[in-house]
Amino acid sequence: MASGTLSGENPTINPESFGIDYYAGLIRGAVQSYYQWQLTEDGVGSLQTEYITKVFTDLSIDWVNSQSKPWFLWLAYNAPHTPFHVPPAEMHAQGNLPDYMDGLDPMPYYMAAIEAMDFQIGRL
């Protein structure tokens, strides 16, 4: 299974055409929003409105739980890359952050994204 980001500019690429048994993630690199983004799963795209780091973890947990023989999982989160954002509060300890705008200190947003990723890795 591969989950995460597959860089490239061709939205018609299906990693499963190249021998990957199952792919769920991004086909075209970065997202504009961690809360509204395009998931490609089994070659089909769908608009997602849930926090991307949680969705990738949920997909990975479901896939791992369905395996009955040795397996390999490649999970590539896009956090903590930009755009700076506020992860769900229960996933970080950076306090009540306002939506990020240019001019704000990006460090708490960066740290919050790392903490949210670590929270999700802990779930996995």
PDB file of N, CA and C in Angstrom:
ATOM      1  N   MET A   1       0.841  -1.173   0.000  1.00  0.00           N
ATOM      2  CA  MET A   1       0.000   0.000   0.000  1.00  0.00           C
ATOM      3  C   MET A   1       0.877   1.223   0.000  1.00  0.00           C
ATOM      4  N   ALA A   2       0.494   2.226  -0.744  1.00  0.00           N
ATOM      5  CA  ALA A   2       1.143   3.519  -0.687  1.00  0.00           C
ATOM      6  C   ALA A   2       0.072   4.541  -0.345  1.00  0.00           C
ATOM      7  N   SER A   3       0.393   5.442   0.561  1.00  0.00           N
ATOM      8  CA  SER A   3      -0.530   6.491   0.930  1.00  0.00           C
ATOM      9  C   SER A   3       0.274   7.760   1.100  1.00  0.00           C
ATOM     10  N   GLY A   4      -0.247   8.869   0.641  1.00  0.00           N
ATOM     11  CA  GLY A   4       0.449  10.131   0.783  1.00  0.00           C
ATOM     12  C   GLY A   4       0.482  10.876  -0.524  1.00  0.00           C
ATOM     13  N   THR A   5       1.639  11.427  -0.880  1.00  0.00           N
ATOM     14  CA  THR A   5       1.759  12.279  -2.039  1.00  0.00           C
ATOM     15  C   THR A   5       2.612  11.629  -3.116  1.00  0.00           C
ATOM     16  N   LEU A   6       2.133  11.675  -4.336  1.00  0.00           N
ATOM     17  CA  LEU A   6       2.892  11.249  -5.495  1.00  0.00           C
ATOM     18  C   LEU A   6       3.055  12.485  -6.360  1.00  0.00           C
ATOM     19  N   SER A   7       4.244  13.095  -6.352  1.00  0.00           N
ATOM     20  CA  SER A   7       4.443  14.338  -7.072  1.00  0.00           C
ATOM     21  C   SER A   7       4.301  14.121  -8.556  1.00  0.00           C
ATOM     22  N   GLY A   8       3.861  15.163  -9.211  1.00  0.00           N
ATOM     23  CA  GLY A   8       3.690  15.123 -10.647  1.00  0.00           C
ATOM     24  C   GLY A   8       2.598  16.074 -11.066  1.00  0.00           C
ATOM     25  N   GLU A   9       2.583  16.385 -12.327  1.00  0.00           N
ATOM     26  CA  GLU A   9       1.596  17.322 -12.850  1.00  0.00           C
ATOM     27  C   GLU A   9       0.503  16.634 -13.656  1.00  0.00           C
ATOM     28  N   ASN A  10       0.561  15.308 -13.809  1.00  0.00           N
ATOM     29  CA  ASN A  10      -0.428  14.597 -14.595  1.00  0.00           C
ATOM     30  C   ASN A  10      -1.489  14.003 -13.675  1.00  0.00           C
ATOM     31  N   PRO A  11      -2.707  14.591 -13.670  1.00  0.00           N
ATOM     32  CA  PRO A  11      -3.732  14.098 -12.748  1.00  0.00           C
ATOM     33  C   PRO A  11      -4.314  12.744 -13.146  1.00  0.00           C
ATOM     34  N   THR A  12      -3.943  12.212 -14.292  1.00  0.00           N
ATOM     35  CA  THR A  12      -4.495  10.929 -14.729  1.00  0.00           C
ATOM     36  C   THR A  12      -3.620   9.757 -14.326  1.00  0.00           C
ATOM     37  N   ILE A  13      -2.488  10.020 -13.681  1.00  0.00           N
ATOM     38  CA  ILE A  13      -1.605   8.935 -13.251  1.00  0.00           C
ATOM     39  C   ILE A  13      -2.306   8.099 -12.190  1.00  0.00           C
ATOM     40  N   ASN A  14      -2.268   6.787 -12.356  1.00  0.00           N
ATOM     41  CA  ASN A  14      -2.769   5.869 -11.346  1.00  0.00           C
ATOM     42  C   ASN A  14      -1.597   4.997 -10.920  1.00  0.00           C
ATOM     43  N   PRO A  15      -1.069   5.183  -9.723  1.00  0.00           N
ATOM     44  CA  PRO A  15       0.085   4.402  -9.271  1.00  0.00           C
ATOM     45  C   PRO A  15      -0.123   2.895  -9.375  1.00  0.00           C
ATOM     46  N   GLU A  16      -1.362   2.457  -9.311  1.00  0.00           N
ATOM     47  CA  GLU A  16      -1.638   1.029  -9.414  1.00  0.00           C
ATOM     48  C   GLU A  16      -1.284   0.485 -10.796  1.00  0.00           C
ATOM     49  N   SER A  17      -1.203   1.369 -11.792  1.00  0.00           N
ATOM     50  CA  SER A  17      -0.776   0.955 -13.131  1.00  0.00           C
ATOM     51  C   SER A  17       0.705   0.593 -13.157  1.00  0.00           C
ATOM     52  N   PHE A  18       1.435   0.981 -12.119  1.00  0.00           N
ATOM     53  CA  PHE A  18       2.873   0.742 -12.047  1.00  0.00           C
ATOM     54  C   PHE A  18       3.217  -0.365 -11.052  1.00  0.00           C
ATOM     55  N   GLY A  19       2.232  -1.157 -10.649  1.00  0.00           N
ATOM     56  CA  GLY A  19       2.504  -2.309  -9.800  1.00  0.00           C
ATOM     57  C   GLY A  19       2.200  -2.138  -8.330  1.00  0.00           C
ATOM     58  N   ILE A  20       1.739  -0.985  -7.909  1.00  0.00           N
ATOM     59  CA  ILE A  20       1.355  -0.800  -6.511  1.00  0.00           C
ATOM     60  C   ILE A  20      -0.027  -1.413  -6.335  1.00  0.00           C
ATOM     61  N   ASP A  21      -0.174  -2.266  -5.329  1.00  0.00           N
ATOM     62  CA  ASP A  21      -1.449  -2.970  -5.130  1.00  0.00           C
ATOM     63  C   ASP A  21      -2.593  -2.031  -4.773  1.00  0.00           C
ATOM     64  N   TYR A  22      -2.307  -1.044  -3.958  1.00  0.00           N
ATOM     65  CA  TYR A  22      -3.345  -0.116  -3.506  1.00  0.00           C
ATOM     66  C   TYR A  22      -2.708   1.239  -3.280  1.00  0.00           C
ATOM     67  N   TYR A  23      -3.340   2.293  -3.782  1.00  0.00           N
ATOM     68  CA  TYR A  23      -2.843   3.652  -3.561  1.00  0.00           C
ATOM     69  C   TYR A  23      -4.005   4.529  -3.134  1.00  0.00           C
ATOM     70  N   ALA A  24      -3.771   5.315  -2.092  1.00  0.00           N
ATOM     71  CA  ALA A  24      -4.709   6.338  -1.664  1.00  0.00           C
ATOM     72  C   ALA A  24      -3.878   7.537  -1.252  1.00  0.00           C
ATOM     73  N   GLY A  25      -4.123   8.682  -1.859  1.00  0.00           N
ATOM     74  CA  GLY A  25      -3.358   9.874  -1.503  1.00  0.00           C
ATOM     75  C   GLY A  25      -3.518  10.967  -2.517  1.00  0.00           C
ATOM     76  N   LEU A  26      -2.493  11.792  -2.622  1.00  0.00           N
ATOM     77  CA  LEU A  26      -2.473  12.917  -3.541  1.00  0.00           C
ATOM     78  C   LEU A  26      -1.695  12.535  -4.790  1.00  0.00           C
ATOM     79  N   ILE A  27      -2.206  12.916  -5.918  1.00  0.00           N
ATOM     80  CA  ILE A  27      -1.488  12.674  -7.168  1.00  0.00           C
ATOM     81  C   ILE A  27      -0.622  13.878  -7.511  1.00  0.00           C
ATOM     82  N   ARG A  28      -1.083  15.061  -7.198  1.00  0.00           N
ATOM     83  CA  ARG A  28      -0.411  16.274  -7.647  1.00  0.00           C
ATOM     84  C   ARG A  28       0.213  17.080  -6.522  1.00  0.00           C
ATOM     85  N   GLY A  29       1.127  16.514  -5.777  1.00  0.00           N
ATOM     86  CA  GLY A  29       1.908  17.269  -4.808  1.00  0.00           C
ATOM     87  C   GLY A  29       1.111  17.917  -3.699  1.00  0.00           C
ATOM     88  N   ALA A  30       1.380  19.192  -3.463  1.00  0.00           N
ATOM     89  CA  ALA A  30       0.854  19.915  -2.303  1.00  0.00           C
ATOM     90  C   ALA A  30      -0.644  20.181  -2.398  1.00  0.00           C
ATOM     91  N   VAL A  31      -1.223  20.492  -1.246  1.00  0.00           N
ATOM     92  CA  VAL A  31      -2.630  20.877  -1.169  1.00  0.00           C
ATOM     93  C   VAL A  31      -2.715  22.373  -0.875  1.00  0.00           C
ATOM     94  N   GLN A  32      -3.809  22.984  -1.260  1.00  0.00           N
ATOM     95  CA  GLN A  32      -4.058  24.384  -0.934  1.00  0.00           C
ATOM     96  C   GLN A  32      -4.682  24.528   0.449  1.00  0.00           C
ATOM     97  N   SER A  33      -5.326  23.451   0.913  1.00  0.00           N
ATOM     98  CA  SER A  33      -5.977  23.446   2.218  1.00  0.00           C
ATOM     99  C   SER A  33      -5.875  22.048   2.814  1.00  0.00           C
ATOM    100  N   TYR A  34      -5.551  21.968   4.076  1.00  0.00           N
ATOM    101  CA  TYR A  34      -5.488  20.688   4.765  1.00  0.00           C
ATOM    102  C   TYR A  34      -6.885  20.173   5.109  1.00  0.00           C
ATOM    103  N   TYR A  35      -7.916  20.995   4.853  1.00  0.00           N
ATOM    104  CA  TYR A  35      -9.288  20.630   5.170  1.00  0.00           C
ATOM    105  C   TYR A  35     -10.182  20.493   3.944  1.00  0.00           C
ATOM    106  N   GLN A  36      -9.671  20.807   2.772  1.00  0.00           N
ATOM    107  CA  GLN A  36     -10.426  20.631   1.530  1.00  0.00           C
ATOM    108  C   GLN A  36      -9.427  20.291   0.440  1.00  0.00           C
ATOM    109  N   TRP A  37      -9.445  19.036   0.014  1.00  0.00           N
ATOM    110  CA  TRP A  37      -8.401  18.536  -0.859  1.00  0.00           C
ATOM    111  C   TRP A  37      -8.916  17.331  -1.652  1.00  0.00           C
ATOM    112  N   GLN A  38      -8.185  16.988  -2.703  1.00  0.00           N
ATOM    113  CA  GLN A  38      -8.588  15.918  -3.608  1.00  0.00           C
ATOM    114  C   GLN A  38      -7.851  14.622  -3.282  1.00  0.00           C
ATOM    115  N   LEU A  39      -8.589  13.607  -2.854  1.00  0.00           N
ATOM    116  CA  LEU A  39      -8.046  12.279  -2.577  1.00  0.00           C
ATOM    117  C   LEU A  39      -8.198  11.425  -3.824  1.00  0.00           C
ATOM    118  N   THR A  40      -7.133  10.720  -4.194  1.00  0.00           N
ATOM    119  CA  THR A  40      -7.230   9.695  -5.228  1.00  0.00           C
ATOM    120  C   THR A  40      -7.056   8.352  -4.546  1.00  0.00           C
ATOM    121  N   GLU A  41      -8.060   7.487  -4.704  1.00  0.00           N
ATOM    122  CA  GLU A  41      -8.022   6.150  -4.110  1.00  0.00           C
ATOM    123  C   GLU A  41      -8.465   5.158  -5.172  1.00  0.00           C
ATOM    124  N   ASP A  42      -7.609   4.171  -5.419  1.00  0.00           N
ATOM    125  CA  ASP A  42      -7.892   3.179  -6.464  1.00  0.00           C
ATOM    126  C   ASP A  42      -8.205   3.845  -7.804  1.00  0.00           C
ATOM    127  N   GLY A  43      -7.504   4.942  -8.104  1.00  0.00           N
ATOM    128  CA  GLY A  43      -7.651   5.620  -9.386  1.00  0.00           C
ATOM    129  C   GLY A  43      -8.833   6.552  -9.493  1.00  0.00           C
ATOM    130  N   VAL A  44      -9.610   6.712  -8.418  1.00  0.00           N
ATOM    131  CA  VAL A  44     -10.800   7.561  -8.442  1.00  0.00           C
ATOM    132  C   VAL A  44     -10.599   8.738  -7.501  1.00  0.00           C
ATOM    133  N   GLY A  45     -10.877   9.944  -7.991  1.00  0.00           N
ATOM    134  CA  GLY A  45     -10.731  11.141  -7.176  1.00  0.00           C
ATOM    135  C   GLY A  45     -12.007  11.488  -6.440  1.00  0.00           C
ATOM    136  N   SER A  46     -11.844  12.061  -5.244  1.00  0.00           N
ATOM    137  CA  SER A  46     -12.989  12.545  -4.478  1.00  0.00           C
ATOM    138  C   SER A  46     -12.554  13.716  -3.618  1.00  0.00           C
ATOM    139  N   LEU A  47     -13.432  14.703  -3.479  1.00  0.00           N
ATOM    140  CA  LEU A  47     -13.156  15.870  -2.650  1.00  0.00           C
ATOM    141  C   LEU A  47     -13.326  15.486  -1.187  1.00  0.00           C
ATOM    142  N   GLN A  48     -12.317  15.786  -0.376  1.00  0.00           N
ATOM    143  CA  GLN A  48     -12.335  15.488   1.055  1.00  0.00           C
ATOM    144  C   GLN A  48     -12.428  16.788   1.842  1.00  0.00           C
ATOM    145  N   THR A  49     -13.150  16.747   2.954  1.00  0.00           N
ATOM    146  CA  THR A  49     -13.294  17.938   3.796  1.00  0.00           C
ATOM    147  C   THR A  49     -12.901  17.660   5.240  1.00  0.00           C
ATOM    148  N   GLU A  50     -12.241  16.538   5.465  1.00  0.00           N
ATOM    149  CA  GLU A  50     -11.734  16.206   6.790  1.00  0.00           C
ATOM    150  C   GLU A  50     -10.223  16.438   6.790  1.00  0.00           C
ATOM    151  N   TYR A  51      -9.645  16.696   7.956  1.00  0.00           N
ATOM    152  CA  TYR A  51      -8.219  16.986   8.093  1.00  0.00           C
ATOM    153  C   TYR A  51      -7.375  15.904   7.429  1.00  0.00           C
ATOM    154  N   ILE A  52      -6.539  16.280   6.502  1.00  0.00           N
ATOM    155  CA  ILE A  52      -5.820  15.340   5.638  1.00  0.00           C
ATOM    156  C   ILE A  52      -4.937  14.358   6.411  1.00  0.00           C
ATOM    157  N   THR A  53      -4.259  14.820   7.445  1.00  0.00           N
ATOM    158  CA  THR A  53      -3.369  13.941   8.199  1.00  0.00           C
ATOM    159  C   THR A  53      -4.169  12.826   8.872  1.00  0.00           C
ATOM    160  N   LYS A  54      -5.365  13.144   9.363  1.00  0.00           N
ATOM    161  CA  LYS A  54      -6.237  12.131   9.973  1.00  0.00           C
ATOM    162  C   LYS A  54      -6.750  11.164   8.917  1.00  0.00           C
ATOM    163  N   VAL A  55      -7.143  11.669   7.760  1.00  0.00           N
ATOM    164  CA  VAL A  55      -7.670  10.792   6.709  1.00  0.00           C
ATOM    165  C   VAL A  55      -6.607   9.798   6.257  1.00  0.00           C
ATOM    166  N   PHE A  56      -5.371  10.275   6.032  1.00  0.00           N
ATOM    167  CA  PHE A  56      -4.302   9.353   5.628  1.00  0.00           C
ATOM    168  C   PHE A  56      -4.081   8.269   6.689  1.00  0.00           C
ATOM    169  N   THR A  57      -4.170   8.647   7.956  1.00  0.00           N
ATOM    170  CA  THR A  57      -3.992   7.678   9.033  1.00  0.00           C
ATOM    171  C   THR A  57      -5.158   6.692   9.064  1.00  0.00           C
ATOM    172  N   ASP A  58      -6.387   7.192   8.941  1.00  0.00           N
ATOM    173  CA  ASP A  58      -7.557   6.311   8.921  1.00  0.00           C
ATOM    174  C   ASP A  58      -7.455   5.293   7.785  1.00  0.00           C
ATOM    175  N   LEU A  59      -7.089   5.756   6.590  1.00  0.00           N
ATOM    176  CA  LEU A  59      -6.940   4.851   5.451  1.00  0.00           C
ATOM    177  C   LEU A  59      -5.872   3.799   5.727  1.00  0.00           C
ATOM    178  N   SER A  60      -4.771   4.226   6.324  1.00  0.00           N
ATOM    179  CA  SER A  60      -3.673   3.297   6.628  1.00  0.00           C
ATOM    180  C   SER A  60      -4.091   2.263   7.663  1.00  0.00           C
ATOM    181  N   ILE A  61      -4.782   2.707   8.718  1.00  0.00           N
ATOM    182  CA  ILE A  61      -5.255   1.781   9.755  1.00  0.00           C
ATOM    183  C   ILE A  61      -6.199   0.748   9.144  1.00  0.00           C
ATOM    184  N   ASP A  62      -7.137   1.216   8.328  1.00  0.00           N
ATOM    185  CA  ASP A  62      -8.083   0.291   7.696  1.00  0.00           C
ATOM    186  C   ASP A  62      -7.352  -0.718   6.822  1.00  0.00           C
ATOM    187  N   TRP A  63      -6.365  -0.249   6.054  1.00  0.00           N
ATOM    188  CA  TRP A  63      -5.635  -1.138   5.165  1.00  0.00           C
ATOM    189  C   TRP A  63      -4.827  -2.165   5.962  1.00  0.00           C
ATOM    190  N   VAL A  64      -4.096  -1.707   6.970  1.00  0.00           N
ATOM    191  CA  VAL A  64      -3.295  -2.619   7.793  1.00  0.00           C
ATOM    192  C   VAL A  64      -4.193  -3.681   8.428  1.00  0.00           C
ATOM    193  N   ASN A  65      -5.337  -3.259   8.946  1.00  0.00           N
ATOM    194  CA  ASN A  65      -6.244  -4.202   9.603  1.00  0.00           C
ATOM    195  C   ASN A  65      -6.829  -5.235   8.644  1.00  0.00           C
ATOM    196  N   SER A  66      -6.799  -4.954   7.352  1.00  0.00           N
ATOM    197  CA  SER A  66      -7.353  -5.904   6.383  1.00  0.00           C
ATOM    198  C   SER A  66      -6.307  -6.878   5.839  1.00  0.00           C
ATOM    199  N   GLN A  67      -5.046  -6.752   6.271  1.00  0.00           N
ATOM    200  CA  GLN A  67      -3.978  -7.612   5.752  1.00  0.00           C
ATOM    201  C   GLN A  67      -3.919  -8.933   6.512  1.00  0.00           C
ATOM    202  N   SER A  68      -3.656 -10.013   5.770  1.00  0.00           N
ATOM    203  CA  SER A  68      -3.545 -11.335   6.383  1.00  0.00           C
ATOM    204  C   SER A  68      -2.187 -11.978   6.140  1.00  0.00           C
ATOM    205  N   LYS A  69      -1.310 -11.288   5.403  1.00  0.00           N
ATOM    206  CA  LYS A  69       0.031 -11.815   5.148  1.00  0.00           C
ATOM    207  C   LYS A  69       1.020 -10.652   5.270  1.00  0.00           C
ATOM    208  N   PRO A  70       2.313 -10.922   5.239  1.00  0.00           N
ATOM    209  CA  PRO A  70       3.281  -9.821   5.378  1.00  0.00           C
ATOM    210  C   PRO A  70       2.976  -8.673   4.401  1.00  0.00           C
ATOM    211  N   TRP A  71       3.225  -7.450   4.872  1.00  0.00           N
ATOM    212  CA  TRP A  71       2.862  -6.284   4.084  1.00  0.00           C
ATOM    213  C   TRP A  71       3.887  -5.174   4.239  1.00  0.00           C
ATOM    214  N   PHE A  72       3.810  -4.209   3.349  1.00  0.00           N
ATOM    215  CA  PHE A  72       4.633  -3.002   3.385  1.00  0.00           C
ATOM    216  C   PHE A  72       3.708  -1.814   3.205  1.00  0.00           C
ATOM    217  N   LEU A  73       3.816  -0.846   4.084  1.00  0.00           N
ATOM    218  CA  LEU A  73       3.030   0.381   4.017  1.00  0.00           C
ATOM    219  C   LEU A  73       3.985   1.549   3.867  1.00  0.00           C
ATOM    220  N   TRP A  74       3.739   2.382   2.895  1.00  0.00           N
ATOM    221  CA  TRP A  74       4.486   3.627   2.745  1.00  0.00           C
ATOM    222  C   TRP A  74       3.483   4.741   2.986  1.00  0.00           C
ATOM    223  N   LEU A  75       3.606   5.396   4.118  1.00  0.00           N
ATOM    224  CA  LEU A  75       2.704   6.489   4.492  1.00  0.00           C
ATOM    225  C   LEU A  75       3.504   7.777   4.484  1.00  0.00           C
ATOM    226  N   ALA A  76       3.187   8.659   3.560  1.00  0.00           N
ATOM    227  CA  ALA A  76       3.907   9.926   3.417  1.00  0.00           C
ATOM    228  C   ALA A  76       2.944  11.081   3.675  1.00  0.00           C
ATOM    229  N   TYR A  77       3.006  11.618   4.884  1.00  0.00           N
ATOM    230  CA  TYR A  77       2.182  12.782   5.212  1.00  0.00           C
ATOM    231  C   TYR A  77       2.711  14.003   4.477  1.00  0.00           C
ATOM    232  N   ASN A  78       1.836  14.953   4.196  1.00  0.00           N
ATOM    233  CA  ASN A  78       2.305  16.210   3.617  1.00  0.00           C
ATOM    234  C   ASN A  78       2.578  17.252   4.695  1.00  0.00           C
ATOM    235  N   ALA A  79       2.152  17.016   5.922  1.00  0.00           N
ATOM    236  CA  ALA A  79       2.517  17.894   7.037  1.00  0.00           C
ATOM    237  C   ALA A  79       3.991  17.639   7.362  1.00  0.00           C
ATOM    238  N   PRO A  80       4.708  18.618   7.801  1.00  0.00           N
ATOM    239  CA  PRO A  80       4.279  19.957   8.176  1.00  0.00           C
ATOM    240  C   PRO A  80       4.508  21.008   7.085  1.00  0.00           C
ATOM    241  N   HIS A  81       4.378  20.628   5.837  1.00  0.00           N
ATOM    242  CA  HIS A  81       4.576  21.593   4.751  1.00  0.00           C
ATOM    243  C   HIS A  81       3.507  22.680   4.778  1.00  0.00           C
ATOM    244  N   THR A  82       3.797  23.749   4.080  1.00  0.00           N
ATOM    245  CA  THR A  82       2.810  24.807   3.913  1.00  0.00           C
ATOM    246  C   THR A  82       1.654  24.258   3.083  1.00  0.00           C
ATOM    247  N   PRO A  83       0.501  24.870   3.116  1.00  0.00           N
ATOM    248  CA  PRO A  83       0.206  26.134   3.786  1.00  0.00           C
ATOM    249  C   PRO A  83       0.106  25.954   5.304  1.00  0.00           C
ATOM    250  N   PHE A  84       0.595  26.968   6.035  1.00  0.00           N
ATOM    251  CA  PHE A  84       0.465  26.930   7.485  1.00  0.00           C
ATOM    252  C   PHE A  84      -1.018  26.919   7.827  1.00  0.00           C
ATOM    253  N   HIS A  85      -1.378  26.125   8.811  1.00  0.00           N
ATOM    254  CA  HIS A  85      -2.779  25.911   9.133  1.00  0.00           C
ATOM    255  C   HIS A  85      -2.904  25.562  10.611  1.00  0.00           C
ATOM    256  N   VAL A  86      -4.128  25.506  11.075  1.00  0.00           N
ATOM    257  CA  VAL A  86      -4.404  25.124  12.458  1.00  0.00           C
ATOM    258  C   VAL A  86      -4.997  23.714  12.448  1.00  0.00           C
ATOM    259  N   PRO A  87      -4.247  22.731  12.919  1.00  0.00           N
ATOM    260  CA  PRO A  87      -4.797  21.375  13.027  1.00  0.00           C
ATOM    261  C   PRO A  87      -5.900  21.321  14.080  1.00  0.00           C
ATOM    262  N   PRO A  88      -6.686  20.249  14.092  1.00  0.00           N
ATOM    263  CA  PRO A  88      -7.689  20.095  15.145  1.00  0.00           C
ATOM    264  C   PRO A  88      -7.046  20.222  16.532  1.00  0.00           C
ATOM    265  N   ALA A  89      -7.713  20.918  17.428  1.00  0.00           N
ATOM    266  CA  ALA A  89      -7.163  21.268  18.738  1.00  0.00           C
ATOM    267  C   ALA A  89      -6.704  20.071  19.550  1.00  0.00           C
ATOM    268  N   GLU A  90      -7.410  18.940  19.438  1.00  0.00           N
ATOM    269  CA  GLU A  90      -7.044  17.777  20.246  1.00  0.00           C
ATOM    270  C   GLU A  90      -5.739  17.130  19.788  1.00  0.00           C
ATOM    271  N   MET A  91      -5.186  17.583  18.665  1.00  0.00           N
ATOM    272  CA  MET A  91      -3.963  16.983  18.122  1.00  0.00           C
ATOM    273  C   MET A  91      -2.695  17.778  18.415  1.00  0.00           C
ATOM    274  N   HIS A  92      -2.830  18.934  19.060  1.00  0.00           N
ATOM    275  CA  HIS A  92      -1.634  19.737  19.327  1.00  0.00           C
ATOM    276  C   HIS A  92      -1.786  20.537  20.614  1.00  0.00           C
ATOM    277  N   ALA A  93      -0.642  21.049  21.105  1.00  0.00           N
ATOM    278  CA  ALA A  93      -0.619  21.799  22.360  1.00  0.00           C
ATOM    279  C   ALA A  93      -0.133  23.240  22.143  1.00  0.00           C
ATOM    280  N   GLN A  94      -0.413  23.790  20.970  1.00  0.00           N
ATOM    281  CA  GLN A  94       0.047  25.150  20.664  1.00  0.00           C
ATOM    282  C   GLN A  94      -0.975  26.223  21.020  1.00  0.00           C
ATOM    283  N   GLY A  95      -2.026  25.840  21.690  1.00  0.00           N
ATOM    284  CA  GLY A  95      -3.023  26.811  22.137  1.00  0.00           C
ATOM    285  C   GLY A  95      -4.027  27.131  21.051  1.00  0.00           C
ATOM    286  N   ASN A  96      -4.808  28.168  21.302  1.00  0.00           N
ATOM    287  CA  ASN A  96      -5.868  28.594  20.394  1.00  0.00           C
ATOM    288  C   ASN A  96      -5.283  29.512  19.333  1.00  0.00           C
ATOM    289  N   LEU A  97      -4.824  28.944  18.236  1.00  0.00           N
ATOM    290  CA  LEU A  97      -4.199  29.717  17.169  1.00  0.00           C
ATOM    291  C   LEU A  97      -5.258  30.301  16.235  1.00  0.00           C
ATOM    292  N   PRO A  98      -5.100  31.571  15.850  1.00  0.00           N
ATOM    293  CA  PRO A  98      -6.000  32.112  14.824  1.00  0.00           C
ATOM    294  C   PRO A  98      -5.602  31.530  13.465  1.00  0.00           C
ATOM    295  N   ASP A  99      -6.482  31.650  12.479  1.00  0.00           N
ATOM    296  CA  ASP A  99      -6.104  31.234  11.131  1.00  0.00           C
ATOM    297  C   ASP A  99      -4.834  31.964  10.740  1.00  0.00           C
ATOM    298  N   TYR A 100      -3.927  31.247  10.082  1.00  0.00           N
ATOM    299  CA  TYR A 100      -2.636  31.828   9.714  1.00  0.00           C
ATOM    300  C   TYR A 100      -2.812  32.889   8.631  1.00  0.00           C
ATOM    301  N   MET A 101      -2.085  34.002   8.806  1.00  0.00           N
ATOM    302  CA  MET A 101      -2.016  35.073   7.806  1.00  0.00           C
ATOM    303  C   MET A 101      -0.562  35.504   7.708  1.00  0.00           C
ATOM    304  N   ASP A 102      -0.182  36.027   6.540  1.00  0.00           N
ATOM    305  CA  ASP A 102       1.167  36.567   6.387  1.00  0.00           C
ATOM    306  C   ASP A 102       1.438  37.574   7.492  1.00  0.00           C
ATOM    307  N   GLY A 103       2.630  37.531   8.029  1.00  0.00           N
ATOM    308  CA  GLY A 103       3.018  38.426   9.104  1.00  0.00           C
ATOM    309  C   GLY A 103       2.965  37.780  10.473  1.00  0.00           C
ATOM    310  N   LEU A 104       2.202  36.700  10.612  1.00  0.00           N
ATOM    311  CA  LEU A 104       2.176  35.980  11.890  1.00  0.00           C
ATOM    312  C   LEU A 104       3.409  35.088  11.987  1.00  0.00           C
ATOM    313  N   ASP A 105       3.824  34.800  13.200  1.00  0.00           N
ATOM    314  CA  ASP A 105       4.941  33.887  13.420  1.00  0.00           C
ATOM    315  C   ASP A 105       4.512  32.492  12.977  1.00  0.00           C
ATOM    316  N   PRO A 106       5.180  31.908  11.981  1.00  0.00           N
ATOM    317  CA  PRO A 106       4.756  30.589  11.500  1.00  0.00           C
ATOM    318  C   PRO A 106       5.136  29.430  12.428  1.00  0.00           C
ATOM    319  N   MET A 107       6.057  29.655  13.364  1.00  0.00           N
ATOM    320  CA  MET A 107       6.569  28.556  14.178  1.00  0.00           C
ATOM    321  C   MET A 107       5.475  27.791  14.943  1.00  0.00           C
ATOM    322  N   PRO A 108       4.519  28.447  15.622  1.00  0.00           N
ATOM    323  CA  PRO A 108       3.495  27.663  16.325  1.00  0.00           C
ATOM    324  C   PRO A 108       2.652  26.805  15.371  1.00  0.00           C
ATOM    325  N   TYR A 109       2.432  27.276  14.160  1.00  0.00           N
ATOM    326  CA  TYR A 109       1.657  26.528  13.172  1.00  0.00           C
ATOM    327  C   TYR A 109       2.454  25.317  12.683  1.00  0.00           C
ATOM    328  N   TYR A 110       3.742  25.521  12.483  1.00  0.00           N
ATOM    329  CA  TYR A 110       4.642  24.442  12.086  1.00  0.00           C
ATOM    330  C   TYR A 110       4.696  23.371  13.179  1.00  0.00           C
ATOM    331  N   MET A 111       4.851  23.821  14.420  1.00  0.00           N
ATOM    332  CA  MET A 111       4.900  22.893  15.554  1.00  0.00           C
ATOM    333  C   MET A 111       3.569  22.159  15.718  1.00  0.00           C
ATOM    334  N   ALA A 112       2.456  22.875  15.537  1.00  0.00           N
ATOM    335  CA  ALA A 112       1.138  22.245  15.652  1.00  0.00           C
ATOM    336  C   ALA A 112       0.971  21.152  14.595  1.00  0.00           C
ATOM    337  N   ALA A 113       1.451  21.405  13.379  1.00  0.00           N
ATOM    338  CA  ALA A 113       1.355  20.398  12.315  1.00  0.00           C
ATOM    339  C   ALA A 113       2.207  19.178  12.646  1.00  0.00           C
ATOM    340  N   ILE A 114       3.386  19.393  13.207  1.00  0.00           N
ATOM    341  CA  ILE A 114       4.242  18.264  13.612  1.00  0.00           C
ATOM    342  C   ILE A 114       3.573  17.473  14.735  1.00  0.00           C
ATOM    343  N   GLU A 115       3.018  18.178  15.713  1.00  0.00           N
ATOM    344  CA  GLU A 115       2.341  17.496  16.815  1.00  0.00           C
ATOM    345  C   GLU A 115       1.133  16.709  16.313  1.00  0.00           C
ATOM    346  N   ALA A 116       0.387  17.285  15.375  1.00  0.00           N
ATOM    347  CA  ALA A 116      -0.777  16.584  14.825  1.00  0.00           C
ATOM    348  C   ALA A 116      -0.338  15.328  14.068  1.00  0.00           C
ATOM    349  N   MET A 117       0.762  15.442  13.337  1.00  0.00           N
ATOM    350  CA  MET A 117       1.291  14.285  12.628  1.00  0.00           C
ATOM    351  C   MET A 117       1.728  13.216  13.632  1.00  0.00           C
ATOM    352  N   ASP A 118       2.415  13.624  14.691  1.00  0.00           N
ATOM    353  CA  ASP A 118       2.857  12.690  15.718  1.00  0.00           C
ATOM    354  C   ASP A 118       1.657  12.028  16.402  1.00  0.00           C
ATOM    355  N   PHE A 119       0.617  12.799  16.656  1.00  0.00           N
ATOM    356  CA  PHE A 119      -0.626  12.269  17.230  1.00  0.00           C
ATOM    357  C   PHE A 119      -1.185  11.154  16.339  1.00  0.00           C
ATOM    358  N   GLN A 120      -1.192  11.399  15.040  1.00  0.00           N
ATOM    359  CA  GLN A 120      -1.740  10.415  14.098  1.00  0.00           C
ATOM    360  C   GLN A 120      -0.816   9.191  13.965  1.00  0.00           C
ATOM    361  N   ILE A 121       0.477   9.404  13.997  1.00  0.00           N
ATOM    362  CA  ILE A 121       1.409   8.268  13.973  1.00  0.00           C
ATOM    363  C   ILE A 121       1.179   7.402  15.215  1.00  0.00           C
ATOM    364  N   GLY A 122       0.912   8.032  16.340  1.00  0.00           N
ATOM    365  CA  GLY A 122       0.594   7.290  17.560  1.00  0.00           C
ATOM    366  C   GLY A 122      -0.667   6.446  17.399  1.00  0.00           C
ATOM    367  N   ARG A 123      -1.659   6.961  16.706  1.00  0.00           N
ATOM    368  CA  ARG A 123      -2.873   6.173  16.441  1.00  0.00           C
ATOM    369  C   ARG A 123      -2.551   4.964  15.566  1.00  0.00           C
ATOM    370  N   LEU A 124      -1.700   5.170  14.595  1.00  0.00           N
ATOM    371  CA  LEU A 124      -1.334   4.065  13.691  1.00  0.00           C
ATOM    372  C   LEU A 124      -0.562   2.997  14.431  1.00  0.00           C
TER     373      LEU A 124
END
